[in-house]
C-alpha atoms as a PDB file:
ATOM      1  CA  MET A   1       0.000   0.000   0.000  1.00  0.00           C
ATOM      2  CA  LEU A   2       2.822   2.377   0.826  1.00  0.00           C
ATOM      3  CA  GLY A   3       4.528   1.730  -2.498  1.00  0.00           C
ATOM      4  CA  GLN A   4       1.317   2.196  -4.497  1.00  0.00           C
ATOM      5  CA  SER A   5       0.598   5.422  -2.592  1.00  0.00           C
ATOM      6  CA  ALA A   6       4.047   6.751  -3.472  1.00  0.00           C
ATOM      7  CA  LEU A   7       3.649   5.768  -7.133  1.00  0.00           C
ATOM      8  CA  CYS A   8       0.245   7.417  -7.199  1.00  0.00           C
ATOM      9  CA  LEU A   9       1.650  10.692  -5.874  1.00  0.00           C
ATOM     10  CA  VAL A  10       4.517  10.647  -8.372  1.00  0.00           C
ATOM     11  CA  SER A  11       2.744   9.323 -11.469  1.00  0.00           C
ATOM     12  CA  ASP A  12      -0.895  10.379 -11.145  1.00  0.00           C
ATOM     13  CA  GLY A  13      -0.615  13.980  -9.955  1.00  0.00           C
ATOM     14  CA  ASP A  14      -2.960  15.212 -12.672  1.00  0.00           C
ATOM     15  CA  ARG A  15      -5.696  12.769 -11.512  1.00  0.00           C
ATOM     16  CA  LEU A  16      -5.545  13.585  -7.790  1.00  0.00           C
ATOM     17  CA  PRO A  17      -8.339  15.537  -6.065  1.00  0.00           C
ATOM     18  CA  ASP A  18      -7.706  19.253  -5.561  1.00  0.00           C
ATOM     19  CA  ARG A  19      -7.209  19.253  -1.769  1.00  0.00           C
ATOM     20  CA  ALA A  20      -4.546  20.364   0.696  1.00  0.00           C
ATOM     21  CA  GLY A  21      -3.636  19.869   4.351  1.00  0.00           C
ATOM     22  CA  SER A  22      -3.354  16.785   6.546  1.00  0.00           C
ATOM     23  CA  LEU A  23      -5.344  14.154   4.667  1.00  0.00           C
ATOM     24  CA  THR A  24      -5.850  10.417   4.786  1.00  0.00           C
ATOM     25  CA  PRO A  25      -4.537   8.516   1.742  1.00  0.00           C
ATOM     26  CA  ALA A  26      -8.088   7.869   0.504  1.00  0.00           C
ATOM     27  CA  THR A  27      -8.980  11.559   0.727  1.00  0.00           C
ATOM     28  CA  ALA A  28      -5.696  12.740  -0.771  1.00  0.00           C
ATOM     29  CA  MET A  29      -5.559  10.320  -3.722  1.00  0.00           C
ATOM     30  CA  GLY A  30      -9.157   9.170  -4.196  1.00  0.00           C
ATOM     31  CA  SER A  31      -9.987   6.890  -7.098  1.00  0.00           C
ATOM     32  CA  ALA A  32      -6.452   7.002  -8.519  1.00  0.00           C
ATOM     33  CA  LEU A  33      -5.184   5.127  -5.448  1.00  0.00           C
ATOM     34  CA  ILE A  34      -8.154   2.747  -5.385  1.00  0.00           C
ATOM     35  CA  GLU A  35      -7.496   1.769  -9.018  1.00  0.00           C
ATOM     36  CA  ARG A  36      -3.797   1.165  -8.276  1.00  0.00           C
ATOM     37  CA  LEU A  37      -4.548  -0.970  -5.209  1.00  0.00           C
ATOM     38  CA  ARG A  38      -7.118  -3.082  -7.062  1.00  0.00           C
ATOM     39  CA  ALA A  39      -4.694  -3.597  -9.960  1.00  0.00           C
ATOM     40  CA  ALA A  40      -2.076  -4.766  -7.431  1.00  0.00           C
ATOM     41  CA  GLY A  41      -4.533  -7.367  -6.078  1.00  0.00           C
ATOM     42  CA  HIS A  42      -5.687  -5.643  -2.894  1.00  0.00           C
ATOM     43  CA  THR A  43      -9.200  -6.434  -1.708  1.00  0.00           C
ATOM     44  CA  TYR A  44     -11.004  -5.313   1.429  1.00  0.00           C
ATOM     45  CA  ASP A  45     -14.139  -6.567   3.146  1.00  0.00           C
ATOM     46  CA  VAL A  46     -16.228  -4.761   5.717  1.00  0.00           C
ATOM     47  CA  ALA A  47     -17.528  -7.052   8.437  1.00  0.00           C
ATOM     48  CA  PRO A  48     -20.044  -6.247  11.168  1.00  0.00           C
ATOM     49  CA  ALA A  49     -18.503  -5.472  14.544  1.00  0.00           C
END
């Protein structure tokens, strides 16, 4: 995840949301990061508490 986040910041700057400040990775990189993580085989499930 860290590597894909770094690649997203370097390679996909034109696709990133127009935001500034202290942001979470999902807020800072939006769908560009999600697409990279899915392409790298990452999957996530939400389970009830």
